[in-house]
Amino acid sequence: MKWKKLGLLFNPTEHTLPNRCVEFAQSPQTLVLANKVRVYFSTRERDSVGKYLSHVAYADFSRDMRRLLAVSNEEVLPLGGRGCFDEHGIFPINVLRDGDRVLAYTTGWNRKVSVSADASIGLAISHDDGDTFQRYGNGPLLTATLHEPFLVGDAFVQRFDDSYHMWYIYGTKWQKFTETEPPDRVYKIAHAISPDGFNWRRDGQQIISDRLNADECQALPTVIYIDGMYHMYFCYRQPFGFRHDSSRSYRIGYARSTDLKKWVRDDGLAGIDVSGDGWDSEMQCYPHLFECDSKVYLLYNGNEFGRRGFGLAVLEV
């Protein structure tokens, strides 16, 4: 896998976004349409007390990803009601065309008291080609279990061999790594399978080996099938110190599989790394793979978790 970087594709500060959002275009996820590619992302506004709320927006591009066509000016999916799992934000959202509808697997988050947030996976459905979505219900589709006690999110869903496969993350612990900082979270990648995209079977087992240490954080898996092999990209980082020390920040990792069960990790084969300078010189995170017109693309965020938007790379053949 060898990628050619095409640079920063979308900067949210240059556009008018819904919900008074002015920064961040995080976790870009695509819906390939007949005449364009729609890229959903999570952006942020400040609430009445100055804390962030995460909202879903989108940007439409030409199918060759060279021209920006439009940016959403209405909210795609409102936040959940008081006390709901997605009361304070939706980040990320992953979409899948399923017949004449579009399924959206959301990560809804809500603030907590002893730790900063919790998360669960929700489901919304669109019947207008992804312009708007309606919740399947007010509660989550997947949430904490006996062996996945918190922070269930980052769903990525694809259909392979007549089954729906979901790769997602689950939290393993919250821990204070320093005396002066609040607790930080640790999370790993797992897999679930479904016959219909609604009812999921999971076992809460970590499927991607650690590279840094046992507390390595792994996030936002994305999977594509090319030439008889399943390829997974994800991002990983140290559990603390990552906000201010770029050497501890997110990097893009890679694993491959022949059967969707056993994954062999080899980040050296990812074919992409941080740049020497510029928008992705300190961090690379939240990757998303997609195909369009016989080309394979990789969307991802750069420095500051996507505060200044997302960029694009194309797979070289």
Protein backbone atom coordinates (compact mmCIF):
# COMPACT_ATOMS: atom_id res chain seq x y z
CA MET A 1 0.00 0.00 0.00
CA LYS A 2 1.53 3.25 -1.17
CA TRP A 3 -0.35 6.54 -0.97
CA LYS A 4 0.08 9.80 -2.84
CA LYS A 5 -0.95 12.72 -0.65
CA LEU A 6 -3.22 15.23 -2.38
CA GLY A 7 -3.18 17.73 0.47
CA LEU A 8 -5.77 19.41 2.66
CA LEU A 9 -9.15 18.94 1.01
CA PHE A 10 -11.58 20.82 3.25
CA ASN A 11 -11.06 23.53 5.86
CA PRO A 12 -14.22 24.17 7.93
CA THR A 13 -13.13 27.68 8.91
CA GLU A 14 -13.58 28.76 5.28
CA HIS A 15 -17.29 27.84 5.14
CA THR A 16 -20.57 28.55 6.88
CA LEU A 17 -21.64 25.43 8.77
CA PRO A 18 -24.93 24.62 10.50
CA ASN A 19 -25.46 24.97 14.26
CA ARG A 20 -23.02 27.90 14.58
CA CYS A 21 -20.09 25.52 14.09
CA VAL A 22 -16.85 27.25 13.11
CA GLU A 23 -14.06 24.71 13.60
CA PHE A 24 -13.31 20.99 13.23
CA ALA A 25 -14.24 18.64 10.40
CA GLN A 26 -13.49 15.33 12.08
CA SER A 27 -13.79 11.74 10.96
CA PRO A 28 -14.66 12.21 7.26
CA GLN A 29 -16.89 9.36 6.00
CA THR A 30 -18.19 8.95 2.45
CA LEU A 31 -21.38 8.15 0.59
CA VAL A 32 -20.63 7.70 -3.12
CA LEU A 33 -23.58 9.02 -5.15
CA ALA A 34 -24.31 8.94 -8.87
CA ASN A 35 -22.83 12.34 -9.62
CA LYS A 36 -20.80 13.23 -6.52
CA VAL A 37 -19.14 12.01 -3.34
CA ARG A 38 -20.70 13.18 -0.10
CA VAL A 39 -18.30 13.42 2.84
CA TYR A 40 -19.91 13.49 6.27
CA PHE A 41 -17.92 14.85 9.18
CA SER A 42 -18.34 15.97 12.78
CA THR A 43 -17.97 19.63 13.60
CA ARG A 44 -18.31 21.57 16.85
CA GLU A 45 -20.05 24.50 18.45
CA ARG A 46 -19.78 25.94 21.94
CA ASP A 47 -22.86 25.67 24.16
CA SER A 48 -24.12 28.28 26.63
CA VAL A 49 -21.45 27.36 29.20
CA GLY A 50 -18.59 27.20 26.70
CA LYS A 51 -18.40 23.42 26.31
CA TYR A 52 -18.31 21.66 22.96
CA LEU A 53 -21.25 20.00 21.20
CA SER A 54 -20.53 17.79 18.16
CA HIS A 55 -22.79 17.97 15.11
CA VAL A 56 -22.92 16.16 11.77
CA ALA A 57 -22.44 18.11 8.54
CA TYR A 58 -21.36 17.18 5.02
CA ALA A 59 -19.48 18.48 2.00
CA ASP A 60 -20.17 17.34 -1.57
CA PHE A 61 -17.32 16.82 -4.02
CA SER A 62 -17.08 15.88 -7.68
CA ARG A 63 -16.45 12.18 -8.19
CA ASP A 64 -12.79 12.85 -8.99
CA MET A 65 -12.54 14.64 -5.59
CA ARG A 66 -11.11 17.76 -7.25
CA ARG A 67 -14.01 20.21 -6.85
CA LEU A 68 -16.06 21.17 -3.84
CA LEU A 69 -19.70 21.37 -4.95
CA ALA A 70 -21.64 22.26 -1.82
CA VAL A 71 -21.62 22.31 1.97
CA SER A 72 -24.64 21.43 4.09
CA ASN A 73 -26.42 24.41 5.61
CA GLU A 74 -28.95 22.43 7.66
CA GLU A 75 -28.24 19.92 10.39
CA VAL A 76 -28.17 16.33 9.13
CA LEU A 77 -29.28 14.73 12.40
CA PRO A 78 -30.26 16.62 15.57
CA LEU A 79 -28.66 15.69 18.86
CA GLY A 80 -30.47 13.41 21.27
CA GLY A 81 -32.86 14.60 23.94
CA ARG A 82 -32.09 15.30 27.56
CA GLY A 83 -30.41 12.32 29.19
CA CYS A 84 -30.00 10.37 25.93
CA PHE A 85 -26.74 8.71 24.93
CA ASP A 86 -26.14 11.33 22.20
CA GLU A 87 -27.28 14.40 24.10
CA HIS A 88 -23.98 16.25 23.73
CA GLY A 89 -22.64 15.08 20.42
CA ILE A 90 -22.46 12.72 17.45
CA PHE A 91 -18.89 11.84 16.49
CA PRO A 92 -18.34 10.02 14.24
CA ILE A 93 -21.08 8.92 11.81
CA ASN A 94 -20.52 6.04 9.35
CA VAL A 95 -22.93 5.57 6.44
CA LEU A 96 -23.74 2.49 4.36
CA ARG A 97 -26.02 2.25 1.32
CA ASP A 98 -28.47 -0.59 1.94
CA GLY A 99 -30.87 -0.97 -0.98
CA ASP A 100 -32.99 2.17 -1.33
CA ARG A 101 -32.03 3.48 2.11
CA VAL A 102 -28.85 4.70 3.77
CA LEU A 103 -27.96 3.36 7.21
CA ALA A 104 -26.00 5.66 9.50
CA TYR A 105 -24.14 4.20 12.45
CA THR A 106 -23.53 7.03 14.87
CA THR A 107 -21.31 7.41 17.89
CA GLY A 108 -23.31 9.41 20.37
CA TRP A 109 -21.59 10.83 23.43
CA ASN A 110 -22.72 12.42 26.65
CA ARG A 111 -20.89 14.12 29.49
CA LYS A 112 -20.19 12.34 32.76
CA VAL A 113 -19.19 13.47 36.25
CA SER A 114 -16.15 11.41 37.26
CA VAL A 115 -14.81 11.21 33.69
CA SER A 116 -15.30 13.47 30.69
CA ALA A 117 -17.67 11.42 28.54
CA ASP A 118 -19.22 8.09 27.63
CA ALA A 119 -20.26 6.81 24.19
CA SER A 120 -22.56 4.31 22.51
CA ILE A 121 -23.42 3.36 18.93
CA GLY A 122 -26.75 4.51 17.51
CA LEU A 123 -28.59 3.96 14.25
CA ALA A 124 -30.34 6.43 11.95
CA ILE A 125 -31.88 5.86 8.52
CA SER A 126 -32.16 8.10 5.46
CA HIS A 127 -34.72 7.73 2.69
CA ASP A 128 -33.60 10.82 0.73
CA ASP A 129 -30.12 9.72 -0.38
CA GLY A 130 -28.42 10.95 2.75
CA ASP A 131 -29.75 14.50 2.93
CA THR A 132 -31.44 13.87 6.28
CA PHE A 133 -31.62 10.99 8.74
CA GLN A 134 -34.20 9.84 11.26
CA ARG A 135 -33.30 7.93 14.39
CA TYR A 136 -34.19 4.25 14.49
CA GLY A 137 -34.90 4.89 18.17
CA ASN A 138 -33.89 7.20 20.99
CA GLY A 139 -31.58 4.64 22.56
CA PRO A 140 -28.33 3.08 21.34
CA LEU A 141 -27.95 0.10 19.04
CA LEU A 142 -24.78 -1.10 20.81
CA THR A 143 -23.76 0.08 24.23
CA ALA A 144 -21.86 -1.05 27.32
CA THR A 145 -21.90 -4.74 28.22
CA LEU A 146 -20.41 -6.94 30.91
CA HIS A 147 -17.06 -7.08 29.10
CA GLU A 148 -17.26 -3.72 27.31
CA PRO A 149 -18.10 -1.47 30.24
CA PHE A 150 -17.95 1.95 28.54
CA LEU A 151 -16.93 3.95 25.44
CA VAL A 152 -18.49 1.80 22.72
CA GLY A 153 -18.21 3.71 19.45
CA ASP A 154 -16.40 4.41 16.15
CA ALA A 155 -18.49 1.92 14.18
CA PHE A 156 -17.47 1.15 10.60
CA VAL A 157 -19.83 -1.20 8.75
CA GLN A 158 -19.44 -3.08 5.46
CA ARG A 159 -21.19 -6.02 3.81
CA PHE A 160 -19.04 -9.01 2.93
CA ASP A 161 -20.35 -12.48 1.96
CA ASP A 162 -24.01 -11.60 2.71
CA SER A 163 -23.22 -10.54 6.28
CA TYR A 164 -22.84 -7.14 7.85
CA HIS A 165 -19.50 -6.63 9.58
CA MET A 166 -18.85 -3.91 12.11
CA TRP A 167 -15.49 -2.83 13.44
CA TYR A 168 -15.74 -0.60 16.47
CA ILE A 169 -13.94 0.40 19.65
CA TYR A 170 -14.63 -0.30 23.31
CA GLY A 171 -13.10 1.17 26.42
CA THR A 172 -10.99 -0.93 28.75
CA LYS A 173 -10.29 1.58 31.51
CA TRP A 174 -10.10 5.17 32.68
CA GLN A 175 -6.88 5.97 34.50
CA LYS A 176 -5.04 8.95 35.96
CA PHE A 177 -1.60 8.70 34.41
CA THR A 178 -0.36 11.89 36.09
CA GLU A 179 -1.26 13.64 39.33
CA THR A 180 -2.20 16.92 37.67
CA GLU A 181 -4.26 15.73 34.68
CA PRO A 182 -7.81 14.33 34.66
CA PRO A 183 -8.31 10.62 33.88
CA ASP A 184 -7.56 9.45 30.35
CA ARG A 185 -9.31 6.65 28.49
CA VAL A 186 -7.93 3.47 26.92
CA TYR A 187 -9.80 1.76 24.08
CA LYS A 188 -9.30 -1.11 21.63
CA ILE A 189 -10.76 -2.36 18.33
CA ALA A 190 -13.28 -5.21 18.22
CA HIS A 191 -15.56 -6.86 15.64
CA ALA A 192 -19.27 -7.68 15.42
CA ILE A 193 -21.36 -9.49 12.81
CA SER A 194 -25.03 -9.21 11.83
CA PRO A 195 -27.43 -10.83 9.35
CA ASP A 196 -29.41 -7.62 8.82
CA GLY A 197 -27.43 -4.60 10.08
CA PHE A 198 -29.69 -4.22 13.11
CA ASN A 199 -29.04 -7.22 15.36
CA TRP A 200 -25.39 -7.69 16.22
CA ARG A 201 -23.33 -10.52 17.72
CA ARG A 202 -20.08 -9.51 19.44
CA ASP A 203 -17.66 -11.01 21.93
CA GLY A 204 -15.73 -7.97 23.16
CA GLN A 205 -12.34 -9.32 22.09
CA GLN A 206 -9.46 -7.11 20.99
CA ILE A 207 -8.56 -8.02 17.39
CA ILE A 208 -5.62 -5.67 16.67
CA SER A 209 -2.40 -6.24 18.60
CA ASP A 210 -0.76 -3.41 20.54
CA ARG A 211 2.39 -1.80 19.23
CA LEU A 212 3.25 0.93 21.75
CA ASN A 213 2.24 -0.72 25.03
CA ALA A 214 -0.74 -2.35 26.71
CA ASP A 215 -2.39 1.06 27.18
CA GLU A 216 -2.17 2.02 23.50
CA CYS A 217 -5.40 3.65 22.29
CA GLN A 218 -6.77 2.39 18.96
CA ALA A 219 -9.53 4.26 17.12
CA LEU A 220 -11.69 4.52 14.00
CA PRO A 221 -11.07 1.32 12.02
CA THR A 222 -11.88 1.31 8.29
CA VAL A 223 -11.72 -1.78 6.05
CA ILE A 224 -11.49 -2.36 2.30
CA TYR A 225 -11.11 -5.51 0.16
CA ILE A 226 -8.46 -5.38 -2.56
CA ASP A 227 -6.92 -8.25 -4.56
CA GLY A 228 -7.99 -11.06 -2.24
CA MET A 229 -6.99 -9.29 0.97
CA TYR A 230 -8.86 -7.28 3.59
CA HIS A 231 -6.97 -4.14 4.56
CA MET A 232 -7.68 -2.21 7.77
CA TYR A 233 -6.51 1.28 8.57
CA PHE A 234 -6.97 2.84 11.99
CA CYS A 235 -5.24 5.36 14.22
CA TYR A 236 -3.38 4.81 17.47
CA ARG A 237 -1.66 6.89 20.14
CA GLN A 238 -0.21 6.93 23.61
CA PRO A 239 -2.82 7.04 26.40
CA PHE A 240 -1.70 10.40 27.84
CA GLY A 241 0.40 13.42 26.87
CA PHE A 242 -0.90 13.24 23.31
CA ARG A 243 -2.57 16.66 23.28
CA HIS A 244 0.67 18.63 23.63
CA ASP A 245 3.41 16.22 22.56
CA SER A 246 3.21 15.35 18.86
CA SER A 247 5.42 12.28 19.33
CA ARG A 248 2.66 10.78 21.50
CA SER A 249 -0.19 11.83 19.17
CA TYR A 250 -2.19 9.78 16.71
CA ARG A 251 -0.53 7.96 13.83
CA ILE A 252 -2.13 5.76 11.18
CA GLY A 253 -1.80 2.01 11.65
CA TYR A 254 -2.38 -0.88 9.28
CA ALA A 255 -3.42 -4.54 9.51
CA ARG A 256 -4.44 -7.16 6.95
CA SER A 257 -6.54 -10.32 6.95
CA THR A 258 -7.58 -13.08 4.58
CA ASP A 259 -10.64 -14.22 6.54
CA LEU A 260 -11.93 -11.20 8.57
CA LYS A 261 -11.05 -13.14 11.73
CA LYS A 262 -7.29 -13.02 12.20
CA TRP A 263 -5.58 -9.68 11.60
CA VAL A 264 -1.83 -9.24 11.18
CA ARG A 265 -0.65 -5.79 12.14
CA ASP A 266 2.26 -4.19 10.29
CA ASP A 267 2.23 -0.39 10.46
CA GLY A 268 5.32 -0.29 8.28
CA LEU A 269 3.12 -1.30 5.35
CA ALA A 270 0.63 1.54 5.85
CA GLY A 271 2.34 3.56 3.13
CA ILE A 272 1.62 6.92 4.74
CA ASP A 273 3.07 8.95 7.61
CA VAL A 274 3.13 12.48 9.00
CA SER A 275 4.61 15.18 6.77
CA GLY A 276 7.73 17.18 7.50
CA ASP A 277 5.65 20.32 7.95
CA GLY A 278 2.15 21.58 7.36
CA TRP A 279 -1.36 20.52 8.32
CA ASP A 280 -0.54 16.82 9.00
CA SER A 281 3.00 17.17 10.36
CA GLU A 282 2.12 16.55 14.02
CA MET A 283 -0.74 14.08 13.83
CA GLN A 284 -2.66 11.78 11.48
CA CYS A 285 -5.97 10.40 12.68
CA TYR A 286 -9.50 9.21 11.83
CA PRO A 287 -8.78 7.47 8.49
CA HIS A 288 -11.51 6.45 6.04
CA LEU A 289 -11.07 4.24 2.95
CA PHE A 290 -13.38 4.35 -0.06
CA GLU A 291 -13.48 3.48 -3.76
CA CYS A 292 -14.78 5.64 -6.60
CA ASP A 293 -14.36 5.19 -10.35
CA SER A 294 -11.66 2.51 -10.01
CA LYS A 295 -9.58 4.57 -7.60
CA VAL A 296 -9.01 3.94 -3.90
CA TYR A 297 -8.87 6.99 -1.64
CA LEU A 298 -7.92 7.64 1.96
CA LEU A 299 -9.47 10.55 3.85
CA TYR A 300 -7.95 11.52 7.19
CA ASN A 301 -7.53 14.32 9.72
CA GLY A 302 -4.30 16.02 10.66
CA ASN A 303 -3.05 18.28 13.44
CA GLU A 304 -5.25 19.10 16.43
CA PHE A 305 -7.67 16.24 15.72
CA GLY A 306 -9.02 17.88 12.56
CA ARG A 307 -9.50 21.42 13.82
CA ARG A 308 -8.55 22.70 10.36
CA GLY A 309 -10.27 19.96 8.40
CA PHE A 310 -9.42 16.80 6.48
CA GLY A 311 -7.10 15.79 3.68
CA LEU A 312 -6.98 13.18 0.93
CA ALA A 313 -4.57 10.59 -0.45
CA VAL A 314 -4.95 8.26 -3.43
CA LEU A 315 -3.61 4.73 -3.66
CA GLU A 316 -0.82 4.40 -6.21
CA VAL A 317 -0.99 1.36 -8.48
